[in-house]
Amino acid sequence: MQAYKTLRLILGDQLNPNHSWFQEEKEGVLYVFMEIKAESEYVKHHIQKIVGIFLGMRSMAEELKSKGFHTHYIAINDPDNQHSFEQNIKNLIAKHHIENFEFQEPDEYRLDELLDDLSKRLTIPYRKYSAEHFFTERDELSRFFEGKKTFLMESFYRQMRKKYNILMDGKGPITGKWNYDHENRKKLPKNHFPPNPIIFQHDVSTIVEQVKKAGLDYIGTCDPQQFIWTKNRTEALEVLDFFIQHLLSHFGTYQDALSNEFWSMYHSRISFALNTKMLSPVEVVQAVESYWQEHQQEVSIAQAEGYIRQIVGWREYMRGIYWAKMPNYASLNFFGHTRKLPDYFWTGDTNMNCVQKAVKQSLQYAYAHHIQRLMVTANFALLAGIDPDQVDLWYLGIYIDAFEWVEITNTRGMSQFADGGIVGTKPYISSAAYIHKMGNHCSTCFYKQKEKTGERSCPFNSLYWHFIEVNKPLLAKNPRMSMMYRTWEKMGEKQKAILEQANIHLENIETL
């Protein structure tokens, strides 16, 4: 049996072939990939998420092997798979006379603690490396906001722009403005047809069979002959290039749009590749900025800045919040919500057309864009008082790009305001008016978007004002909520009927 000096573990979201590990001497190093049941079942994941990660890991293992690296792959159904990082690692150490154990920083708090504890129990030296992915270090946001009560994303975003000279002209932002968000809130015009998204057709029938044979519990569907997501860096770069050349010019304008007909519109759909590190945020931002500089008549600054803000601002900000506030962040429940997540979040069988579209699309593609997540499903969950624990688990499981460091801060923080204002300055809530404004869901819905009361009144309407009323002790002093409370007070005698309607909807929430 061949002996190796060093064992290096590669996790399912560390699929970066450009990591410095792979610029070093190949001999004496064994690179190990593991498909562990516990990692596939700690929440009920979408089958496309399980398949996508397994496919990405297997593809990278094959790529490394073809380049002369020594690899060992432990598949989900391998007879020797102990389904434990620790036991598998100990077995490999003994089998190959390993002298050193090395791993990259995990992005999830749970795995970070697990690998740290595991390493300390080994009888050989260990070392943790940077994953070499993010713009920022784990504690950079905490240091930036040290001594401050609020963690304002815009302040962090501007600092990042300055530090990395992104869309800058000397000390200030190019064109003189930092943020073009107000220009990026339009719905798709009638008879407007976005380009068809770039998708792949991977045969993953073997992986699907293995997942089923292993008895892994999952949600959603997967066509084993036509798996559409990227499996490696080459494909991820192809998707990025397609986005920049064909979608970026309208991305910002229609990034908040909702549609009955189109599931991806002008979104890049590179979040899975980014979050598994097939792509780096640095190269994505550089590619977008470079293209904008060379095509300013085709791509406005609003499009480029809007996209870059999501990467260098929001994504890095959310990761910083995660490492600053975990593990307590995972248990925050500012409103004390306890209601069960309705069953139609697992089926899409609801008369609310916007929720139906978002859920069924999520089950079909393991994907929904940010407004579907924030202002449809999450908005409804917040208005209905759903337990944030259940909301977290749903979002973490159903989306192919969902890893806890980015999911929980967006879900428990931004969308559910369960953190009481660490991420957002107010709850992100709306009535049907916003959903109607941003798309055509309401035009074919069973419910009437203008009605607040009555059997066919849109649940979002009465639940919105019910939320405003029941949370008055917690929100009335929030300056960003003052207009809502003034409007509510002006409704006078109508308040009673609206609250009664909300209670009817809540009592019958499973049949909405």
Protein backbone atom coordinates (compact mmCIF):
# COMPACT_ATOMS: atom_id res chain seq x y z
CA MET A 1 0.00 0.00 0.00
CA GLN A 2 1.42 3.38 -1.04
CA ALA A 3 2.41 5.72 1.76
CA TYR A 4 1.72 9.47 1.65
CA LYS A 5 3.13 12.17 3.87
CA THR A 6 0.06 14.45 3.81
CA LEU A 7 -3.70 13.94 3.57
CA ARG A 8 -5.68 16.92 2.31
CA LEU A 9 -9.48 16.98 2.65
CA ILE A 10 -11.59 18.77 0.02
CA LEU A 11 -15.21 19.54 0.94
CA GLY A 12 -18.12 19.69 -1.47
CA ASP A 13 -18.11 23.50 -1.57
CA GLN A 14 -14.32 23.77 -2.08
CA LEU A 15 -14.17 22.92 -5.78
CA ASN A 16 -11.55 25.50 -6.73
CA PRO A 17 -8.93 24.04 -9.10
CA ASN A 18 -6.95 27.31 -8.89
CA HIS A 19 -6.25 26.97 -5.16
CA SER A 20 -2.56 27.24 -4.29
CA TRP A 21 -2.64 23.60 -3.17
CA PHE A 22 -2.65 22.62 -6.80
CA GLN A 23 0.36 24.72 -7.71
CA GLU A 24 2.58 22.69 -5.39
CA GLU A 25 4.50 19.42 -5.61
CA LYS A 26 2.13 16.49 -6.26
CA GLU A 27 4.15 13.70 -4.71
CA GLY A 28 3.51 12.66 -1.14
CA VAL A 29 0.07 14.32 -0.99
CA LEU A 30 -3.26 12.49 -1.10
CA TYR A 31 -6.34 14.57 -1.90
CA VAL A 32 -9.51 13.10 -0.41
CA PHE A 33 -13.19 13.68 -1.28
CA MET A 34 -16.02 12.18 0.78
CA GLU A 35 -19.76 11.81 0.23
CA ILE A 36 -21.09 11.61 3.78
CA LYS A 37 -24.71 10.74 4.58
CA ALA A 38 -24.83 13.14 7.51
CA GLU A 39 -23.84 16.02 5.21
CA SER A 40 -26.63 15.09 2.81
CA GLU A 41 -29.28 14.68 5.49
CA TYR A 42 -28.75 17.37 8.15
CA VAL A 43 -31.63 19.06 6.35
CA LYS A 44 -33.88 17.62 3.64
CA HIS A 45 -32.04 18.82 0.53
CA HIS A 46 -33.29 19.19 -3.01
CA ILE A 47 -32.12 16.19 -5.02
CA GLN A 48 -30.50 18.54 -7.55
CA LYS A 49 -28.42 20.05 -4.76
CA ILE A 50 -27.18 16.62 -3.65
CA VAL A 51 -26.53 15.54 -7.23
CA GLY A 52 -24.89 18.85 -8.13
CA ILE A 53 -22.42 18.70 -5.26
CA PHE A 54 -21.60 15.03 -5.88
CA LEU A 55 -21.16 15.71 -9.61
CA GLY A 56 -18.91 18.69 -8.89
CA MET A 57 -16.78 16.71 -6.44
CA ARG A 58 -16.43 13.76 -8.79
CA SER A 59 -15.57 16.04 -11.70
CA MET A 60 -12.86 17.82 -9.73
CA ALA A 61 -11.43 14.53 -8.47
CA GLU A 62 -11.17 13.30 -12.06
CA GLU A 63 -9.59 16.58 -13.17
CA LEU A 64 -6.95 16.40 -10.44
CA LYS A 65 -6.25 12.77 -11.26
CA SER A 66 -5.77 13.61 -14.95
CA LYS A 67 -3.17 16.20 -13.94
CA GLY A 68 -1.18 13.68 -11.92
CA PHE A 69 -2.48 14.42 -8.43
CA HIS A 70 -3.09 11.49 -6.10
CA THR A 71 -6.78 11.33 -5.19
CA HIS A 72 -8.99 9.10 -3.11
CA TYR A 73 -12.74 9.34 -3.60
CA ILE A 74 -15.21 7.90 -1.10
CA ALA A 75 -18.61 7.69 -2.81
CA ILE A 76 -21.94 7.52 -1.01
CA ASN A 77 -22.31 3.74 -1.46
CA ASP A 78 -18.68 2.64 -1.10
CA PRO A 79 -18.48 -0.39 1.23
CA ASP A 80 -15.62 1.20 3.19
CA ASN A 81 -17.45 4.50 3.67
CA GLN A 82 -18.00 4.99 7.41
CA HIS A 83 -20.10 8.14 6.75
CA SER A 84 -17.98 10.02 9.25
CA PHE A 85 -15.24 12.48 8.38
CA GLU A 86 -13.32 11.42 11.47
CA GLN A 87 -13.54 7.68 10.98
CA ASN A 88 -12.79 7.84 7.25
CA ILE A 89 -9.79 10.09 7.90
CA LYS A 90 -8.45 7.86 10.66
CA ASN A 91 -8.79 4.83 8.41
CA LEU A 92 -6.85 6.58 5.63
CA ILE A 93 -4.16 7.75 8.05
CA ALA A 94 -3.60 4.20 9.21
CA LYS A 95 -3.81 2.71 5.71
CA HIS A 96 -1.40 5.13 4.03
CA HIS A 97 0.86 5.98 7.02
CA ILE A 98 -0.15 9.64 6.81
CA GLU A 99 2.04 12.06 8.78
CA ASN A 100 0.06 15.33 8.38
CA PHE A 101 -3.62 16.24 8.01
CA GLU A 102 -4.60 19.45 6.21
CA PHE A 103 -7.89 21.10 5.29
CA GLN A 104 -9.25 24.42 4.04
CA GLU A 105 -11.36 26.70 6.22
CA PRO A 106 -14.97 25.49 6.03
CA ASP A 107 -17.52 28.20 5.38
CA GLU A 108 -20.07 26.78 7.80
CA TYR A 109 -19.72 27.18 11.56
CA ARG A 110 -20.84 23.61 12.17
CA LEU A 111 -18.18 22.11 9.91
CA ASP A 112 -15.52 24.49 11.19
CA GLU A 113 -16.05 23.24 14.73
CA LEU A 114 -16.31 19.62 13.59
CA LEU A 115 -12.99 19.67 11.71
CA ASP A 116 -11.21 21.64 14.43
CA ASP A 117 -12.34 19.14 17.07
CA LEU A 118 -11.54 16.19 14.82
CA SER A 119 -8.03 17.52 14.13
CA LYS A 120 -7.27 17.90 17.82
CA ARG A 121 -8.13 14.25 18.39
CA LEU A 122 -5.74 13.01 15.74
CA THR A 123 -2.29 11.78 16.72
CA ILE A 124 -0.58 13.62 13.85
CA PRO A 125 -0.01 17.35 13.19
CA TYR A 126 -2.71 19.27 11.33
CA ARG A 127 -3.01 22.59 9.55
CA LYS A 128 -5.92 24.75 8.39
CA TYR A 129 -5.52 26.77 5.18
CA SER A 130 -7.45 29.69 3.76
CA ALA A 131 -9.99 28.69 1.14
CA GLU A 132 -8.60 31.61 -0.93
CA HIS A 133 -12.03 32.58 -2.16
CA PHE A 134 -13.56 35.69 -0.57
CA PHE A 135 -12.54 39.33 -0.76
CA THR A 136 -12.59 39.51 3.04
CA GLU A 137 -11.29 37.59 6.02
CA ARG A 138 -13.84 36.08 8.40
CA ASP A 139 -13.46 38.82 11.02
CA GLU A 140 -13.02 41.78 8.67
CA LEU A 141 -16.60 43.00 8.95
CA SER A 142 -16.48 42.77 12.76
CA ARG A 143 -13.35 44.88 12.80
CA PHE A 144 -14.85 47.39 10.37
CA PHE A 145 -17.94 47.92 12.55
CA GLU A 146 -16.16 47.63 15.90
CA GLY A 147 -17.84 49.86 18.49
CA LYS A 148 -20.83 50.61 16.27
CA LYS A 149 -24.42 49.67 17.09
CA THR A 150 -25.57 49.08 13.52
CA PHE A 151 -23.89 47.15 10.72
CA LEU A 152 -24.97 49.20 7.71
CA MET A 153 -24.29 47.28 4.50
CA GLU A 154 -23.90 50.44 2.40
CA SER A 155 -20.99 51.61 4.56
CA PHE A 156 -19.27 48.25 4.22
CA TYR A 157 -19.93 48.17 0.47
CA ARG A 158 -18.34 51.56 -0.07
CA GLN A 159 -15.30 50.54 1.94
CA MET A 160 -14.95 47.42 -0.22
CA ARG A 161 -15.18 49.50 -3.39
CA LYS A 162 -12.41 51.79 -2.10
CA LYS A 163 -10.19 48.97 -0.86
CA TYR A 164 -10.30 47.04 -4.14
CA ASN A 165 -10.64 50.06 -6.48
CA ILE A 166 -13.89 48.80 -8.01
CA LEU A 167 -15.83 51.27 -10.17
CA MET A 168 -13.77 54.06 -8.66
CA ASP A 169 -12.35 57.30 -10.02
CA GLY A 170 -9.64 58.27 -7.61
CA LYS A 171 -11.14 58.53 -4.12
CA GLY A 172 -14.75 58.64 -5.26
CA PRO A 173 -17.12 56.41 -7.22
CA ILE A 174 -16.97 56.62 -10.99
CA THR A 175 -19.86 58.82 -12.27
CA GLY A 176 -20.10 60.32 -8.77
CA LYS A 177 -22.76 57.92 -7.46
CA TRP A 178 -22.26 54.88 -5.25
CA ASN A 179 -25.57 53.14 -5.72
CA TYR A 180 -28.11 52.82 -8.55
CA ASP A 181 -30.61 50.59 -6.76
CA HIS A 182 -33.54 52.95 -7.38
CA GLU A 183 -33.13 52.44 -11.15
CA ASN A 184 -33.32 48.64 -10.87
CA ARG A 185 -36.97 48.02 -9.98
CA LYS A 186 -38.95 47.49 -13.17
CA LYS A 187 -41.17 44.63 -14.28
CA LEU A 188 -40.88 42.99 -17.67
CA PRO A 189 -42.76 44.91 -20.40
CA LYS A 190 -45.53 43.12 -22.29
CA ASN A 191 -44.29 41.00 -25.19
CA HIS A 192 -40.75 41.17 -23.85
CA PHE A 193 -38.83 37.90 -24.16
CA PRO A 194 -35.57 37.44 -22.24
CA PRO A 195 -32.95 35.20 -23.86
CA ASN A 196 -33.26 31.51 -23.03
CA PRO A 197 -30.88 30.61 -20.20
CA ILE A 198 -27.76 28.59 -20.87
CA ILE A 199 -28.25 25.11 -19.40
CA PHE A 200 -26.41 21.80 -19.57
CA GLN A 201 -27.63 18.28 -20.16
CA HIS A 202 -25.49 16.09 -17.96
CA ASP A 203 -26.32 12.41 -17.59
CA VAL A 204 -26.42 11.94 -13.82
CA SER A 205 -28.42 8.72 -13.80
CA THR A 206 -25.66 6.87 -11.93
CA ILE A 207 -25.56 9.47 -9.15
CA VAL A 208 -29.35 9.58 -8.89
CA GLU A 209 -29.49 5.79 -8.58
CA GLN A 210 -26.80 5.88 -5.88
CA VAL A 211 -28.62 8.61 -3.96
CA LYS A 212 -31.80 6.55 -4.00
CA LYS A 213 -29.99 3.33 -3.11
CA ALA A 214 -28.35 5.08 -0.15
CA GLY A 215 -31.83 5.96 1.10
CA LEU A 216 -31.15 9.71 1.23
CA ASP A 217 -34.28 11.72 1.92
CA TYR A 218 -34.77 14.59 -0.50
CA ILE A 219 -37.25 17.02 -2.04
CA GLY A 220 -37.81 18.18 -5.60
CA THR A 221 -37.21 16.48 -8.92
CA CYS A 222 -34.21 15.78 -11.13
CA ASP A 223 -34.10 14.65 -14.74
CA PRO A 224 -31.24 12.11 -14.63
CA GLN A 225 -30.59 12.55 -18.36
CA GLN A 226 -30.57 16.35 -18.39
CA PHE A 227 -29.01 17.83 -15.27
CA ILE A 228 -28.82 21.54 -16.08
CA TRP A 229 -26.26 22.90 -13.58
CA THR A 230 -22.50 23.36 -13.97
CA LYS A 231 -20.20 20.51 -12.99
CA ASN A 232 -16.84 22.28 -13.19
CA ARG A 233 -15.04 25.57 -13.59
CA THR A 234 -15.01 25.42 -17.41
CA GLU A 235 -18.80 25.29 -17.53
CA ALA A 236 -19.12 27.94 -14.84
CA LEU A 237 -17.00 30.31 -16.91
CA GLU A 238 -19.25 29.58 -19.89
CA VAL A 239 -22.32 30.61 -17.87
CA LEU A 240 -20.56 33.74 -16.61
CA ASP A 241 -19.55 34.71 -20.14
CA PHE A 242 -23.11 34.15 -21.40
CA PHE A 243 -24.48 36.36 -18.62
CA ILE A 244 -22.08 39.19 -19.31
CA GLN A 245 -22.60 39.18 -23.07
CA HIS A 246 -26.34 38.50 -23.26
CA LEU A 247 -27.98 39.37 -19.92
CA LEU A 248 -25.97 42.03 -18.10
CA SER A 249 -27.35 44.86 -20.24
CA HIS A 250 -30.81 44.31 -18.69
CA PHE A 251 -29.89 42.67 -15.40
CA GLY A 252 -30.27 45.65 -13.12
CA THR A 253 -33.41 46.98 -14.77
CA TYR A 254 -35.35 43.72 -14.38
CA GLN A 255 -33.62 42.03 -11.46
CA ASP A 256 -36.71 42.49 -9.26
CA ALA A 257 -39.26 41.45 -11.87
CA LEU A 258 -41.70 38.56 -11.32
CA SER A 259 -43.01 36.47 -14.19
CA ASN A 260 -45.45 33.66 -14.86
CA GLU A 261 -43.58 32.67 -18.01
CA PHE A 262 -39.83 33.04 -17.40
CA TRP A 263 -37.94 31.36 -14.57
CA SER A 264 -34.46 32.90 -14.94
CA MET A 265 -34.93 36.10 -16.95
CA TYR A 266 -31.75 38.23 -16.72
CA HIS A 267 -30.22 36.61 -13.65
CA SER A 268 -26.74 35.12 -13.99
CA ARG A 269 -27.46 31.85 -12.12
CA ILE A 270 -23.79 31.51 -11.14
CA SER A 271 -24.48 31.41 -7.39
CA PHE A 272 -24.07 27.61 -7.24
CA ALA A 273 -20.72 27.85 -9.03
CA LEU A 274 -19.68 30.76 -6.79
CA ASN A 275 -20.70 29.10 -3.55
CA THR A 276 -18.92 25.86 -4.45
CA LYS A 277 -15.88 27.97 -5.47
CA MET A 278 -15.77 26.89 -9.10
CA LEU A 279 -15.68 30.66 -9.67
CA SER A 280 -14.16 33.35 -7.47
CA PRO A 281 -15.98 36.60 -6.63
CA VAL A 282 -12.86 38.54 -7.59
CA GLU A 283 -12.85 37.25 -11.17
CA VAL A 284 -16.62 37.74 -11.51
CA VAL A 285 -16.42 41.38 -10.40
CA GLN A 286 -13.40 42.02 -12.61
CA ALA A 287 -15.12 40.47 -15.63
CA VAL A 288 -18.29 42.54 -15.16
CA GLU A 289 -16.39 45.79 -14.59
CA SER A 290 -14.11 45.17 -17.56
CA TYR A 291 -17.02 44.42 -19.88
CA TRP A 292 -18.87 47.54 -18.74
CA GLN A 293 -15.80 49.71 -19.34
CA GLU A 294 -15.55 48.43 -22.92
CA HIS A 295 -19.31 48.46 -23.70
CA GLN A 296 -20.71 51.52 -21.93
CA GLN A 297 -23.17 52.31 -24.72
CA GLU A 298 -24.61 48.81 -24.43
CA VAL A 299 -24.37 48.31 -20.65
CA SER A 300 -25.26 51.20 -18.34
CA ILE A 301 -23.49 51.82 -15.06
CA ALA A 302 -26.72 50.91 -13.26
CA GLN A 303 -26.54 47.36 -14.60
CA ALA A 304 -22.87 46.84 -13.72
CA GLU A 305 -23.05 48.49 -10.31
CA GLY A 306 -26.22 46.60 -9.39
CA TYR A 307 -24.58 43.27 -10.09
CA ILE A 308 -21.24 44.12 -8.49
CA ARG A 309 -23.05 45.31 -5.36
CA GLN A 310 -24.59 41.86 -4.94
CA ILE A 311 -21.15 40.23 -5.04
CA VAL A 312 -18.72 42.60 -3.34
CA GLY A 313 -21.32 44.20 -1.10
CA TRP A 314 -24.12 41.88 -0.09
CA ARG A 315 -22.40 38.50 -0.39
CA GLU A 316 -19.30 39.54 1.56
CA TYR A 317 -21.43 41.45 4.06
CA MET A 318 -23.62 38.43 4.78
CA ARG A 319 -20.58 36.22 5.30
CA GLY A 320 -19.14 38.79 7.71
CA ILE A 321 -22.39 38.91 9.69
CA TYR A 322 -22.41 35.12 9.84
CA TRP A 323 -18.96 34.83 11.40
CA ALA A 324 -19.55 37.82 13.67
CA LYS A 325 -22.82 36.50 15.13
CA MET A 326 -22.75 32.71 15.05
CA PRO A 327 -23.65 30.43 16.74
CA ASN A 328 -26.27 32.52 18.61
CA TYR A 329 -27.58 33.97 15.36
CA ALA A 330 -29.14 30.61 14.45
CA SER A 331 -31.57 30.81 17.39
CA LEU A 332 -32.74 34.44 17.13
CA ASN A 333 -36.52 34.88 16.92
CA PHE A 334 -37.30 38.58 17.44
CA PHE A 335 -41.07 38.24 16.94
CA GLY A 336 -41.40 34.91 18.76
CA HIS A 337 -43.00 33.26 15.73
CA THR A 338 -44.00 29.61 16.15
CA ARG A 339 -46.47 28.74 13.37
CA LYS A 340 -45.74 25.66 11.24
CA LEU A 341 -44.64 26.10 7.62
CA PRO A 342 -47.66 25.22 5.44
CA ASP A 343 -47.52 21.95 3.52
CA TYR A 344 -47.75 23.72 0.16
CA PHE A 345 -44.19 24.93 0.62
CA TRP A 346 -43.30 21.32 -0.21
CA THR A 347 -45.77 20.89 -3.08
CA GLY A 348 -46.74 24.29 -4.48
CA ASP A 349 -50.42 23.35 -4.19
CA THR A 350 -51.88 26.71 -3.18
CA ASN A 351 -54.32 29.19 -4.72
CA MET A 352 -51.84 32.02 -4.16
CA ASN A 353 -50.38 32.20 -7.64
CA CYS A 354 -47.16 33.99 -6.66
CA VAL A 355 -46.37 31.43 -3.94
CA GLN A 356 -47.38 28.57 -6.23
CA LYS A 357 -45.06 29.76 -9.00
CA ALA A 358 -42.12 30.34 -6.66
CA VAL A 359 -42.45 26.99 -4.89
CA LYS A 360 -43.09 24.88 -8.00
CA GLN A 361 -40.20 26.56 -9.79
CA SER A 362 -37.99 25.86 -6.78
CA LEU A 363 -39.01 22.21 -6.73
CA GLN A 364 -38.36 21.90 -10.48
CA TYR A 365 -35.06 23.79 -10.74
CA ALA A 366 -33.74 24.07 -7.14
CA TYR A 367 -33.64 27.77 -7.95
CA ALA A 368 -35.60 30.99 -7.55
CA HIS A 369 -34.29 34.53 -7.90
CA HIS A 370 -33.93 36.87 -4.95
CA ILE A 371 -37.29 38.65 -5.21
CA GLN A 372 -39.16 35.35 -5.39
CA ARG A 373 -37.30 34.32 -2.25
CA LEU A 374 -37.50 37.63 -0.39
CA MET A 375 -40.81 39.20 -1.41
CA VAL A 376 -42.94 36.15 -2.16
CA THR A 377 -42.19 33.04 -0.08
CA ALA A 378 -40.27 34.79 2.71
CA ASN A 379 -42.68 37.72 2.79
CA PHE A 380 -45.60 35.34 3.23
CA ALA A 381 -43.75 33.36 5.92
CA LEU A 382 -43.04 36.52 7.90
CA LEU A 383 -46.57 37.91 7.59
CA ALA A 384 -48.00 34.53 8.64
CA GLY A 385 -45.73 34.24 11.68
CA ILE A 386 -43.89 31.08 10.60
CA ASP A 387 -41.23 29.75 12.96
CA PRO A 388 -37.87 31.02 11.57
CA ASP A 389 -36.31 27.63 12.36
CA GLN A 390 -38.63 26.06 9.81
CA VAL A 391 -38.07 28.84 7.29
CA ASP A 392 -34.30 28.38 7.63
CA LEU A 393 -34.48 24.65 7.01
CA TRP A 394 -36.70 25.09 3.96
CA TYR A 395 -34.43 27.66 2.31
CA LEU A 396 -31.27 25.75 3.19
CA GLY A 397 -32.68 22.56 1.72
CA ILE A 398 -34.51 23.62 -1.41
CA TYR A 399 -31.96 25.84 -3.16
CA ILE A 400 -28.92 24.49 -4.96
CA ASP A 401 -26.87 27.55 -3.97
CA ALA A 402 -27.86 27.52 -0.29
CA PHE A 403 -25.07 27.05 2.23
CA GLU A 404 -25.64 28.15 5.80
CA TRP A 405 -23.20 31.08 5.83
CA VAL A 406 -25.20 32.84 3.11
CA GLU A 407 -28.64 31.29 3.65
CA ILE A 408 -29.20 31.96 7.34
CA THR A 409 -28.20 35.61 7.26
CA ASN A 410 -30.50 36.22 4.30
CA THR A 411 -33.37 34.16 5.73
CA ARG A 412 -33.33 34.70 9.48
CA GLY A 413 -31.87 38.16 9.07
CA MET A 414 -33.01 39.99 5.97
CA SER A 415 -36.24 38.18 5.16
CA GLN A 416 -37.64 37.25 8.59
CA PHE A 417 -36.18 40.10 10.71
CA ALA A 418 -35.68 37.41 13.35
CA ASP A 419 -32.37 39.07 14.28
CA GLY A 420 -34.21 42.22 15.33
CA GLY A 421 -32.38 44.50 12.93
CA ILE A 422 -28.77 43.34 12.65
CA VAL A 423 -29.02 42.92 8.87
CA GLY A 424 -32.03 45.04 7.92
CA THR A 425 -33.24 48.33 9.33
CA LYS A 426 -36.88 47.22 9.00
CA PRO A 427 -38.83 44.08 8.08
CA TYR A 428 -39.08 43.38 4.34
CA ILE A 429 -42.85 43.06 4.06
CA SER A 430 -45.42 44.04 1.48
CA SER A 431 -49.06 43.60 0.58
CA ALA A 432 -50.20 42.34 -2.82
CA ALA A 433 -49.60 45.80 -4.28
CA TYR A 434 -45.85 45.24 -4.55
CA ILE A 435 -46.21 41.78 -6.08
CA HIS A 436 -48.69 43.16 -8.61
CA LYS A 437 -46.37 46.06 -9.40
CA MET A 438 -43.42 43.79 -10.16
CA GLY A 439 -45.06 41.23 -12.45
CA ASN A 440 -48.09 39.40 -13.78
CA HIS A 441 -48.73 36.83 -11.03
CA CYS A 442 -51.82 38.64 -9.75
CA SER A 443 -53.52 38.76 -13.15
CA THR A 444 -54.12 34.99 -13.15
CA CYS A 445 -54.55 34.45 -9.42
CA PHE A 446 -57.61 33.03 -7.66
CA TYR A 447 -57.35 35.89 -5.15
CA LYS A 448 -58.06 39.55 -5.89
CA GLN A 449 -54.99 41.68 -5.28
CA LYS A 450 -56.95 44.88 -4.56
CA GLU A 451 -59.26 43.35 -1.95
CA LYS A 452 -58.42 43.33 1.75
CA THR A 453 -61.48 41.45 2.98
CA GLY A 454 -63.76 38.77 1.65
CA GLU A 455 -63.39 35.13 0.62
CA ARG A 456 -61.22 35.93 -2.41
CA SER A 457 -59.25 38.78 -0.89
CA CYS A 458 -55.50 38.32 -1.29
CA PRO A 459 -54.05 36.91 1.95
CA PHE A 460 -51.02 39.19 1.62
CA ASN A 461 -53.25 42.23 2.17
CA SER A 462 -54.93 41.46 5.48
CA LEU A 463 -51.87 39.58 6.79
CA TYR A 464 -49.75 42.66 6.07
CA TRP A 465 -51.90 44.91 8.26
CA HIS A 466 -52.30 42.16 10.86
CA PHE A 467 -48.50 41.99 11.10
CA ILE A 468 -48.35 45.76 11.49
CA GLU A 469 -50.92 45.70 14.32
CA VAL A 470 -49.71 42.70 16.36
CA ASN A 471 -46.08 43.83 16.22
CA LYS A 472 -46.80 47.45 17.13
CA PRO A 473 -44.98 47.18 20.50
CA LEU A 474 -41.82 46.08 18.67
CA LEU A 475 -41.96 48.23 15.54
CA ALA A 476 -43.90 51.43 16.20
CA LYS A 477 -40.79 53.36 17.21
CA ASN A 478 -38.84 52.26 14.13
CA PRO A 479 -38.57 55.45 12.01
CA ARG A 480 -38.76 53.44 8.78
CA MET A 481 -42.12 52.00 9.86
CA SER A 482 -43.77 55.30 10.82
CA MET A 483 -45.52 55.80 7.47
CA MET A 484 -47.11 52.34 7.66
CA TYR A 485 -48.43 53.03 11.14
CA ARG A 486 -49.84 56.40 10.11
CA THR A 487 -51.61 54.75 7.19
CA TRP A 488 -52.96 52.01 9.46
CA GLU A 489 -54.30 54.51 11.97
CA LYS A 490 -56.15 56.37 9.22
CA MET A 491 -58.13 53.21 8.35
CA GLY A 492 -60.26 53.67 11.45
CA GLU A 493 -63.28 51.37 11.47
CA LYS A 494 -61.87 49.27 8.59
CA GLN A 495 -59.20 47.89 10.90
CA LYS A 496 -61.55 45.44 12.62
CA ALA A 497 -62.71 43.81 9.38
CA ILE A 498 -59.15 43.54 8.07
CA LEU A 499 -57.91 41.89 11.29
CA GLU A 500 -60.86 39.50 11.29
CA GLN A 501 -60.05 38.54 7.70
CA ALA A 502 -56.41 37.99 8.63
CA ASN A 503 -57.41 35.66 11.45
CA ILE A 504 -59.61 33.68 9.05
CA HIS A 505 -56.67 33.29 6.68
CA LEU A 506 -54.38 32.20 9.51
CA GLU A 507 -56.91 29.70 10.84
CA ASN A 508 -57.17 28.24 7.35
CA ILE A 509 -53.58 28.70 6.32
CA GLU A 510 -53.18 25.15 4.98
CA THR A 511 -55.97 25.67 2.45
CA LEU A 512 -55.09 29.10 1.14
